[in-house]
Amino acid sequence: MPNDDTTSDDMPNGAGAAAKRWLPASLIDGHGLDDGLGIVLLNRPILLEKHYFTTLWNGAKVRVAVDGGTNRWVDWVKGNINSEHLLKPPDLVTGDFDSCNQEAMEYVEQLKCTIVHTPDQNATDFTKSLKVLKSHGYDKQLSRVLALCESSGRLDQIMANINTLYLADGILPGVDVFLRSSNSLSWLVRPGEHTIDIPQRLVSERIWCSLVPIGQGCQCTTDGLRWNLDGSRPLQFGSIVSTSNTYATNRVRITTDGPLLWSMGTTPKDM
């Protein structure tokens, strides 16, 4: 049965299946998290609000620091050592370690974290971290993985993170993977029917959302957006993409024959 957070319906999504229902509120505000959440910390500044980050990290089923994300975690811990924002150690530290400094590595070694070296240069450390979750048996314990990664900085790394969303279903089947920055939440909407329950605050404050096809075009229809798509034109680069959209109701319905990147702002300052 689905949990009380971001869920899948009982049937696989696709032809003849019930719509997949997404309930992203807990990943946006940190309240009501289920026990099937994995957190993956990538090598970007941690700009999330402190209480939110602490709640997510400590409440996760498994915590993973990825390469230079280990530096970020150690810096956070040392910067908050006398505050209420104390963090549990990572369960896994993984990557090719070209960005993780010696001080951070020695710190997590002292904590007896499981360290997994993944030198393969044909995949990003983010992609490899999902493979490590599977190889260590967490795939059967997780329903969702939330990767913490700011969307500022290098465009190539942003695109690489999106590519990992495309690869994730083949690595962790049945586990939904999300990208979370300090001001947005994103995930891949695969072919089929979907409903997304939108927190009232985002509707009232007219926070932005978007549907962007990456890699291929698709036919898409929506209901519940300020500017809905009717499927009359393909959603693709060179035609139209749905950016800077917002909500008309608390539930968005999407039907698509191809994968789409759904992104939603989480704070008023996004407008």
C-alpha atoms as a PDB file:
ATOM      1  CA  MET A   1       0.000   0.000   0.000  1.00  0.00           C
ATOM      2  CA  PRO A   2       1.173   3.587  -0.579  1.00  0.00           C
ATOM      3  CA  ASN A   3       2.654   5.526   2.327  1.00  0.00           C
ATOM      4  CA  ASP A   4       1.482   8.943   3.502  1.00  0.00           C
ATOM      5  CA  ASP A   5       4.105  10.913   1.625  1.00  0.00           C
ATOM      6  CA  THR A   6       5.128  10.745  -2.030  1.00  0.00           C
ATOM      7  CA  THR A   7       3.602   7.521  -3.258  1.00  0.00           C
ATOM      8  CA  SER A   8       3.035   5.159  -6.112  1.00  0.00           C
ATOM      9  CA  ASP A   9      -0.299   3.483  -6.695  1.00  0.00           C
ATOM     10  CA  ASP A  10      -0.602  -0.286  -6.317  1.00  0.00           C
ATOM     11  CA  MET A  11      -0.348  -0.871 -10.067  1.00  0.00           C
ATOM     12  CA  PRO A  12       2.705  -0.078 -12.229  1.00  0.00           C
ATOM     13  CA  ASN A  13       2.309   3.176 -14.165  1.00  0.00           C
ATOM     14  CA  GLY A  14       1.559   2.754 -17.847  1.00  0.00           C
ATOM     15  CA  ALA A  15      -1.170   1.541 -20.160  1.00  0.00           C
ATOM     16  CA  GLY A  16      -4.170   0.324 -18.198  1.00  0.00           C
ATOM     17  CA  ALA A  17      -2.637   1.328 -14.859  1.00  0.00           C
ATOM     18  CA  ALA A  18      -4.071   3.705 -12.304  1.00  0.00           C
ATOM     19  CA  ALA A  19      -2.555   7.171 -12.181  1.00  0.00           C
ATOM     20  CA  LYS A  20       0.560   7.460 -10.089  1.00  0.00           C
ATOM     21  CA  ARG A  21      -0.038   9.801  -7.173  1.00  0.00           C
ATOM     22  CA  TRP A  22       2.665  12.089  -5.844  1.00  0.00           C
ATOM     23  CA  LEU A  23       2.439  13.717  -2.408  1.00  0.00           C
ATOM     24  CA  PRO A  24       5.556  15.902  -2.164  1.00  0.00           C
ATOM     25  CA  ALA A  25       4.574  17.917   0.941  1.00  0.00           C
ATOM     26  CA  SER A  26       6.833  16.029   3.353  1.00  0.00           C
ATOM     27  CA  LEU A  27       9.871  16.535   1.103  1.00  0.00           C
ATOM     28  CA  ILE A  28       9.101  20.247   0.927  1.00  0.00           C
ATOM     29  CA  ASP A  29       8.456  20.974   4.620  1.00  0.00           C
ATOM     30  CA  GLY A  30      10.141  17.988   6.322  1.00  0.00           C
ATOM     31  CA  HIS A  31       7.013  16.980   8.265  1.00  0.00           C
ATOM     32  CA  GLY A  32       5.549  13.471   8.268  1.00  0.00           C
ATOM     33  CA  LEU A  33       8.505  11.715   6.670  1.00  0.00           C
ATOM     34  CA  ASP A  34       8.112   7.957   6.220  1.00  0.00           C
ATOM     35  CA  ASP A  35      10.764   5.419   7.199  1.00  0.00           C
ATOM     36  CA  GLY A  36      11.677   4.510   3.607  1.00  0.00           C
ATOM     37  CA  LEU A  37      13.647   7.662   2.809  1.00  0.00           C
ATOM     38  CA  GLY A  38      17.270   7.710   1.717  1.00  0.00           C
ATOM     39  CA  ILE A  39      19.294  10.946   1.686  1.00  0.00           C
ATOM     40  CA  VAL A  40      22.175  11.475  -0.740  1.00  0.00           C
ATOM     41  CA  LEU A  41      24.346  14.540  -0.097  1.00  0.00           C
ATOM     42  CA  LEU A  42      26.148  15.735  -3.215  1.00  0.00           C
ATOM     43  CA  ASN A  43      29.069  18.126  -3.463  1.00  0.00           C
ATOM     44  CA  ARG A  44      27.222  21.433  -3.351  1.00  0.00           C
ATOM     45  CA  PRO A  45      26.847  24.019  -0.574  1.00  0.00           C
ATOM     46  CA  ILE A  46      24.248  23.090   2.048  1.00  0.00           C
ATOM     47  CA  LEU A  47      21.878  26.073   1.844  1.00  0.00           C
ATOM     48  CA  LEU A  48      18.795  24.360   3.262  1.00  0.00           C
ATOM     49  CA  GLU A  49      17.258  25.821   6.410  1.00  0.00           C
ATOM     50  CA  LYS A  50      19.040  24.220   9.377  1.00  0.00           C
ATOM     51  CA  HIS A  51      16.043  22.623  11.099  1.00  0.00           C
ATOM     52  CA  TYR A  52      14.768  21.232   7.800  1.00  0.00           C
ATOM     53  CA  PHE A  53      18.148  19.747   6.871  1.00  0.00           C
ATOM     54  CA  THR A  54      18.637  18.245  10.326  1.00  0.00           C
ATOM     55  CA  THR A  55      15.151  16.711  10.278  1.00  0.00           C
ATOM     56  CA  LEU A  56      15.662  15.188   6.830  1.00  0.00           C
ATOM     57  CA  TRP A  57      19.131  13.845   7.523  1.00  0.00           C
ATOM     58  CA  ASN A  58      18.474  12.375  10.953  1.00  0.00           C
ATOM     59  CA  GLY A  59      15.056  10.981   9.971  1.00  0.00           C
ATOM     60  CA  ALA A  60      16.307   9.101   6.911  1.00  0.00           C
ATOM     61  CA  LYS A  61      16.562   5.327   6.729  1.00  0.00           C
ATOM     62  CA  VAL A  62      20.016   5.631   5.177  1.00  0.00           C
ATOM     63  CA  ARG A  63      22.351   8.610   4.816  1.00  0.00           C
ATOM     64  CA  VAL A  64      24.937   8.815   2.034  1.00  0.00           C
ATOM     65  CA  ALA A  65      27.726  11.382   1.637  1.00  0.00           C
ATOM     66  CA  VAL A  66      28.985  11.428  -1.942  1.00  0.00           C
ATOM     67  CA  ASP A  67      32.634  12.358  -2.562  1.00  0.00           C
ATOM     68  CA  GLY A  68      32.980  16.127  -1.946  1.00  0.00           C
ATOM     69  CA  GLY A  69      29.609  16.011  -0.201  1.00  0.00           C
ATOM     70  CA  THR A  70      31.619  14.447   2.635  1.00  0.00           C
ATOM     71  CA  ASN A  71      33.536  17.731   2.974  1.00  0.00           C
ATOM     72  CA  ARG A  72      30.215  19.594   3.120  1.00  0.00           C
ATOM     73  CA  TRP A  73      28.887  17.256   5.807  1.00  0.00           C
ATOM     74  CA  VAL A  74      32.027  17.550   7.955  1.00  0.00           C
ATOM     75  CA  ASP A  75      32.059  21.351   7.618  1.00  0.00           C
ATOM     76  CA  TRP A  76      28.394  21.460   8.680  1.00  0.00           C
ATOM     77  CA  VAL A  77      29.024  19.234  11.704  1.00  0.00           C
ATOM     78  CA  LYS A  78      32.007  21.290  12.840  1.00  0.00           C
ATOM     79  CA  GLY A  79      30.085  24.535  12.310  1.00  0.00           C
ATOM     80  CA  ASN A  80      27.122  23.374  14.411  1.00  0.00           C
ATOM     81  CA  ILE A  81      28.862  21.292  17.058  1.00  0.00           C
ATOM     82  CA  ASN A  82      27.421  23.301  19.983  1.00  0.00           C
ATOM     83  CA  SER A  83      23.920  23.789  18.576  1.00  0.00           C
ATOM     84  CA  GLU A  84      20.737  21.750  18.505  1.00  0.00           C
ATOM     85  CA  HIS A  85      21.420  20.876  14.865  1.00  0.00           C
ATOM     86  CA  LEU A  86      23.506  17.760  15.464  1.00  0.00           C
ATOM     87  CA  LEU A  87      23.743  15.185  12.680  1.00  0.00           C
ATOM     88  CA  LYS A  88      23.965  11.420  12.668  1.00  0.00           C
ATOM     89  CA  PRO A  89      27.021  10.045  10.837  1.00  0.00           C
ATOM     90  CA  PRO A  90      26.651   8.954   7.210  1.00  0.00           C
ATOM     91  CA  ASP A  91      25.859   5.268   6.798  1.00  0.00           C
ATOM     92  CA  LEU A  92      27.767   5.260   3.509  1.00  0.00           C
ATOM     93  CA  VAL A  93      30.545   7.445   2.135  1.00  0.00           C
ATOM     94  CA  THR A  94      31.123   6.810  -1.545  1.00  0.00           C
ATOM     95  CA  GLY A  95      32.653   8.205  -4.725  1.00  0.00           C
ATOM     96  CA  ASP A  96      35.919   8.253  -6.627  1.00  0.00           C
ATOM     97  CA  PHE A  97      37.173  10.636  -3.904  1.00  0.00           C
ATOM     98  CA  ASP A  98      38.788  13.137  -6.254  1.00  0.00           C
ATOM     99  CA  SER A  99      36.935  15.902  -4.371  1.00  0.00           C
ATOM    100  CA  CYS A 100      36.926  14.571  -0.801  1.00  0.00           C
ATOM    101  CA  ASN A 101      39.804  16.061   1.198  1.00  0.00           C
ATOM    102  CA  GLN A 102      41.979  14.075   3.566  1.00  0.00           C
ATOM    103  CA  GLU A 103      40.657  15.788   6.698  1.00  0.00           C
ATOM    104  CA  ALA A 104      37.070  14.854   5.872  1.00  0.00           C
ATOM    105  CA  MET A 105      38.039  11.285   5.012  1.00  0.00           C
ATOM    106  CA  GLU A 106      39.901  10.852   8.291  1.00  0.00           C
ATOM    107  CA  TYR A 107      36.895  12.274  10.163  1.00  0.00           C
ATOM    108  CA  VAL A 108      34.407   9.753   8.713  1.00  0.00           C
ATOM    109  CA  GLU A 109      36.919   6.931   9.133  1.00  0.00           C
ATOM    110  CA  GLN A 110      37.039   7.712  12.864  1.00  0.00           C
ATOM    111  CA  LEU A 111      33.224   7.483  12.918  1.00  0.00           C
ATOM    112  CA  LYS A 112      33.530   3.996  11.356  1.00  0.00           C
ATOM    113  CA  CYS A 113      31.306   4.908   8.408  1.00  0.00           C
ATOM    114  CA  THR A 114      31.156   2.353   5.599  1.00  0.00           C
ATOM    115  CA  ILE A 115      33.406   3.730   2.851  1.00  0.00           C
ATOM    116  CA  VAL A 116      32.918   2.479  -0.707  1.00  0.00           C
ATOM    117  CA  HIS A 117      35.388   3.566  -3.392  1.00  0.00           C
ATOM    118  CA  THR A 118      33.797   3.739  -6.860  1.00  0.00           C
ATOM    119  CA  PRO A 119      36.563   4.660  -9.345  1.00  0.00           C
ATOM    120  CA  ASP A 120      34.529   4.056 -12.548  1.00  0.00           C
ATOM    121  CA  GLN A 121      34.755   7.251 -14.650  1.00  0.00           C
ATOM    122  CA  ASN A 122      31.915   6.228 -16.992  1.00  0.00           C
ATOM    123  CA  ALA A 123      29.280   7.289 -14.447  1.00  0.00           C
ATOM    124  CA  THR A 124      28.899  10.216 -12.078  1.00  0.00           C
ATOM    125  CA  ASP A 125      29.369   9.766  -8.344  1.00  0.00           C
ATOM    126  CA  PHE A 126      25.627  10.423  -7.909  1.00  0.00           C
ATOM    127  CA  THR A 127      24.739   7.583 -10.282  1.00  0.00           C
ATOM    128  CA  LYS A 128      27.269   5.292  -8.616  1.00  0.00           C
ATOM    129  CA  SER A 129      25.877   6.132  -5.167  1.00  0.00           C
ATOM    130  CA  LEU A 130      22.509   4.681  -6.223  1.00  0.00           C
ATOM    131  CA  LYS A 131      24.306   1.511  -7.319  1.00  0.00           C
ATOM    132  CA  VAL A 132      26.017   1.359  -3.928  1.00  0.00           C
ATOM    133  CA  LEU A 133      22.630   1.620  -2.204  1.00  0.00           C
ATOM    134  CA  LYS A 134      21.513  -1.415  -4.182  1.00  0.00           C
ATOM    135  CA  SER A 135      24.705  -3.418  -3.670  1.00  0.00           C
ATOM    136  CA  HIS A 136      24.426  -2.866   0.096  1.00  0.00           C
ATOM    137  CA  GLY A 137      20.828  -4.104   0.185  1.00  0.00           C
ATOM    138  CA  TYR A 138      19.049  -0.818   0.843  1.00  0.00           C
ATOM    139  CA  ASP A 139      16.925  -1.051  -2.307  1.00  0.00           C
ATOM    140  CA  LYS A 140      14.388  -3.260  -0.533  1.00  0.00           C
ATOM    141  CA  GLN A 141      14.142  -0.848   2.401  1.00  0.00           C
ATOM    142  CA  LEU A 142      13.697   2.388   0.463  1.00  0.00           C
ATOM    143  CA  SER A 143      10.692   3.927  -1.240  1.00  0.00           C
ATOM    144  CA  ARG A 144      12.345   7.272  -2.061  1.00  0.00           C
ATOM    145  CA  VAL A 145      15.792   8.801  -2.408  1.00  0.00           C
ATOM    146  CA  LEU A 146      16.251  12.550  -1.989  1.00  0.00           C
ATOM    147  CA  ALA A 147      19.472  13.959  -3.433  1.00  0.00           C
ATOM    148  CA  LEU A 148      20.479  17.288  -1.895  1.00  0.00           C
ATOM    149  CA  CYS A 149      22.110  19.446  -4.556  1.00  0.00           C
ATOM    150  CA  GLU A 150      21.895  23.170  -5.223  1.00  0.00           C
ATOM    151  CA  SER A 151      20.863  24.102  -8.755  1.00  0.00           C
ATOM    152  CA  SER A 152      23.350  26.984  -9.028  1.00  0.00           C
ATOM    153  CA  GLY A 153      26.876  26.600 -10.351  1.00  0.00           C
ATOM    154  CA  ARG A 154      27.988  24.357 -13.195  1.00  0.00           C
ATOM    155  CA  LEU A 155      25.358  23.640 -15.823  1.00  0.00           C
ATOM    156  CA  ASP A 156      27.078  20.390 -16.844  1.00  0.00           C
ATOM    157  CA  GLN A 157      26.686  18.996 -13.330  1.00  0.00           C
ATOM    158  CA  ILE A 158      23.042  20.032 -13.230  1.00  0.00           C
ATOM    159  CA  MET A 159      22.428  18.171 -16.489  1.00  0.00           C
ATOM    160  CA  ALA A 160      24.352  15.162 -15.172  1.00  0.00           C
ATOM    161  CA  ASN A 161      22.065  15.057 -12.120  1.00  0.00           C
ATOM    162  CA  ILE A 162      19.034  15.070 -14.400  1.00  0.00           C
ATOM    163  CA  ASN A 163      20.567  12.235 -16.417  1.00  0.00           C
ATOM    164  CA  THR A 164      20.829  10.233 -13.187  1.00  0.00           C
ATOM    165  CA  LEU A 165      17.056  10.633 -12.767  1.00  0.00           C
ATOM    166  CA  TYR A 166      16.674   8.927 -16.149  1.00  0.00           C
ATOM    167  CA  LEU A 167      19.009   6.112 -15.108  1.00  0.00           C
ATOM    168  CA  ALA A 168      17.613   5.662 -11.603  1.00  0.00           C
ATOM    169  CA  ASP A 169      14.699   3.383 -12.441  1.00  0.00           C
ATOM    170  CA  GLY A 170      17.090   0.833 -13.939  1.00  0.00           C
ATOM    171  CA  ILE A 171      19.279   0.938 -10.839  1.00  0.00           C
ATOM    172  CA  LEU A 172      16.650   1.106  -8.071  1.00  0.00           C
ATOM    173  CA  PRO A 173      13.383  -0.130  -9.614  1.00  0.00           C
ATOM    174  CA  GLY A 174      10.355   1.079  -7.686  1.00  0.00           C
ATOM    175  CA  VAL A 175      12.322   3.711  -5.753  1.00  0.00           C
ATOM    176  CA  ASP A 176      11.472   7.316  -6.639  1.00  0.00           C
ATOM    177  CA  VAL A 177      14.467   9.663  -6.856  1.00  0.00           C
ATOM    178  CA  PHE A 178      14.204  13.416  -6.289  1.00  0.00           C
ATOM    179  CA  LEU A 179      16.503  16.435  -6.512  1.00  0.00           C
ATOM    180  CA  ARG A 180      16.152  18.950  -3.668  1.00  0.00           C
ATOM    181  CA  SER A 181      17.759  22.378  -3.584  1.00  0.00           C
ATOM    182  CA  SER A 182      17.127  25.202  -1.135  1.00  0.00           C
ATOM    183  CA  ASN A 183      14.337  26.541  -3.358  1.00  0.00           C
ATOM    184  CA  SER A 184      13.021  23.679  -5.487  1.00  0.00           C
ATOM    185  CA  LEU A 185      12.053  20.006  -5.718  1.00  0.00           C
ATOM    186  CA  SER A 186      12.367  18.089  -9.007  1.00  0.00           C
ATOM    187  CA  TRP A 187      11.753  14.574 -10.269  1.00  0.00           C
ATOM    188  CA  LEU A 188      11.116  12.616 -13.444  1.00  0.00           C
ATOM    189  CA  VAL A 189       7.521  12.041 -14.510  1.00  0.00           C
ATOM    190  CA  ARG A 190       7.589   8.917 -16.662  1.00  0.00           C
ATOM    191  CA  PRO A 191       5.098   8.002 -19.428  1.00  0.00           C
ATOM    192  CA  GLY A 192       1.580   7.468 -18.118  1.00  0.00           C
ATOM    193  CA  GLU A 193      -0.917   9.279 -15.911  1.00  0.00           C
ATOM    194  CA  HIS A 194       0.047  11.179 -12.776  1.00  0.00           C
ATOM    195  CA  THR A 195      -1.534  13.316 -10.083  1.00  0.00           C
ATOM    196  CA  ILE A 196       0.470  15.683  -7.892  1.00  0.00           C
ATOM    197  CA  ASP A 197      -1.030  17.024  -4.672  1.00  0.00           C
ATOM    198  CA  ILE A 198       0.196  20.592  -4.228  1.00  0.00           C
ATOM    199  CA  PRO A 199       0.593  22.083  -0.730  1.00  0.00           C
ATOM    200  CA  GLN A 200      -1.881  24.923  -0.238  1.00  0.00           C
ATOM    201  CA  ARG A 201       0.883  27.422   0.517  1.00  0.00           C
ATOM    202  CA  LEU A 202       2.389  26.952  -2.935  1.00  0.00           C
ATOM    203  CA  VAL A 203      -1.011  27.468  -4.574  1.00  0.00           C
ATOM    204  CA  SER A 204      -1.845  30.558  -2.512  1.00  0.00           C
ATOM    205  CA  GLU A 205       1.555  32.142  -3.096  1.00  0.00           C
ATOM    206  CA  ARG A 206       1.501  31.269  -6.808  1.00  0.00           C
ATOM    207  CA  ILE A 207       4.873  29.544  -6.626  1.00  0.00           C
ATOM    208  CA  TRP A 208       6.364  28.460  -9.925  1.00  0.00           C
ATOM    209  CA  CYS A 209       6.365  24.995 -11.467  1.00  0.00           C
ATOM    210  CA  SER A 210       7.525  23.571 -14.786  1.00  0.00           C
ATOM    211  CA  LEU A 211       7.338  20.579 -17.123  1.00  0.00           C
ATOM    212  CA  VAL A 212      10.397  20.214 -19.332  1.00  0.00           C
ATOM    213  CA  PRO A 213      11.051  17.347 -21.775  1.00  0.00           C
ATOM    214  CA  ILE A 214      14.738  16.437 -21.852  1.00  0.00           C
ATOM    215  CA  GLY A 215      16.153  13.987 -24.362  1.00  0.00           C
ATOM    216  CA  GLN A 216      12.994  13.522 -26.414  1.00  0.00           C
ATOM    217  CA  GLY A 217       9.707  15.206 -27.184  1.00  0.00           C
ATOM    218  CA  CYS A 218       6.324  14.051 -25.976  1.00  0.00           C
ATOM    219  CA  GLN A 219       2.603  14.671 -26.152  1.00  0.00           C
ATOM    220  CA  CYS A 220       1.373  15.961 -22.816  1.00  0.00           C
ATOM    221  CA  THR A 221      -1.920  17.150 -21.372  1.00  0.00           C
ATOM    222  CA  THR A 222      -2.409  18.739 -17.958  1.00  0.00           C
ATOM    223  CA  ASP A 223      -5.160  19.881 -15.660  1.00  0.00           C
ATOM    224  CA  GLY A 224      -4.807  22.093 -12.587  1.00  0.00           C
ATOM    225  CA  LEU A 225      -2.143  24.478 -13.884  1.00  0.00           C
ATOM    226  CA  ARG A 226      -2.587  28.179 -14.584  1.00  0.00           C
ATOM    227  CA  TRP A 227      -1.538  27.491 -18.176  1.00  0.00           C
ATOM    228  CA  ASN A 228      -2.505  23.932 -19.080  1.00  0.00           C
ATOM    229  CA  LEU A 229      -1.124  21.850 -21.929  1.00  0.00           C
ATOM    230  CA  ASP A 230      -3.714  20.379 -24.278  1.00  0.00           C
ATOM    231  CA  GLY A 231      -1.514  18.060 -26.335  1.00  0.00           C
ATOM    232  CA  SER A 232      -2.079  20.028 -29.526  1.00  0.00           C
ATOM    233  CA  ARG A 233       1.638  20.715 -29.915  1.00  0.00           C
ATOM    234  CA  PRO A 234       4.545  18.458 -28.933  1.00  0.00           C
ATOM    235  CA  LEU A 235       6.367  19.405 -25.773  1.00  0.00           C
ATOM    236  CA  GLN A 236       9.984  19.544 -26.912  1.00  0.00           C
ATOM    237  CA  PHE A 237      12.933  21.845 -27.458  1.00  0.00           C
ATOM    238  CA  GLY A 238      12.394  23.706 -30.706  1.00  0.00           C
ATOM    239  CA  SER A 239       8.649  23.781 -30.019  1.00  0.00           C
ATOM    240  CA  ILE A 240       7.256  24.593 -26.562  1.00  0.00           C
ATOM    241  CA  VAL A 241       8.254  23.856 -22.981  1.00  0.00           C
ATOM    242  CA  SER A 242       6.213  24.686 -19.895  1.00  0.00           C
ATOM    243  CA  THR A 243       8.308  26.928 -17.636  1.00  0.00           C
ATOM    244  CA  SER A 244       7.290  29.710 -15.220  1.00  0.00           C
ATOM    245  CA  ASN A 245       3.900  28.043 -14.808  1.00  0.00           C
ATOM    246  CA  THR A 246       1.914  27.975 -11.571  1.00  0.00           C
ATOM    247  CA  TYR A 247      -1.172  26.352 -10.027  1.00  0.00           C
ATOM    248  CA  ALA A 248      -4.906  26.813 -10.482  1.00  0.00           C
ATOM    249  CA  THR A 249      -5.876  24.108  -7.957  1.00  0.00           C
ATOM    250  CA  ASN A 250      -4.357  21.882  -5.257  1.00  0.00           C
ATOM    251  CA  ARG A 251      -4.096  18.898  -7.591  1.00  0.00           C
ATOM    252  CA  VAL A 252      -2.272  18.750 -10.909  1.00  0.00           C
ATOM    253  CA  ARG A 253      -3.030  15.969 -13.381  1.00  0.00           C
ATOM    254  CA  ILE A 254      -0.513  15.028 -16.061  1.00  0.00           C
ATOM    255  CA  THR A 255      -0.786  12.561 -18.922  1.00  0.00           C
ATOM    256  CA  THR A 256       2.331  12.102 -21.040  1.00  0.00           C
ATOM    257  CA  ASP A 257       3.680   9.614 -23.554  1.00  0.00           C
ATOM    258  CA  GLY A 258       7.297  10.490 -22.770  1.00  0.00           C
ATOM    259  CA  PRO A 259       9.430  11.383 -19.736  1.00  0.00           C
ATOM    260  CA  LEU A 260       9.274  14.915 -18.336  1.00  0.00           C
ATOM    261  CA  LEU A 261      11.224  16.761 -15.680  1.00  0.00           C
ATOM    262  CA  TRP A 262       8.728  18.166 -13.171  1.00  0.00           C
ATOM    263  CA  SER A 263      10.122  20.988 -11.001  1.00  0.00           C
ATOM    264  CA  MET A 264       8.353  23.017  -8.342  1.00  0.00           C
ATOM    265  CA  GLY A 265       9.491  26.008  -6.339  1.00  0.00           C
ATOM    266  CA  THR A 266       9.330  25.715  -2.579  1.00  0.00           C
ATOM    267  CA  THR A 267       9.793  29.280  -1.299  1.00  0.00           C
ATOM    268  CA  PRO A 268       8.184  32.661  -2.046  1.00  0.00           C
ATOM    269  CA  LYS A 269      11.524  34.159  -3.057  1.00  0.00           C
ATOM    270  CA  ASP A 270      11.442  31.949  -6.186  1.00  0.00           C
ATOM    271  CA  MET A 271       8.845  34.202  -7.825  1.00  0.00           C
END
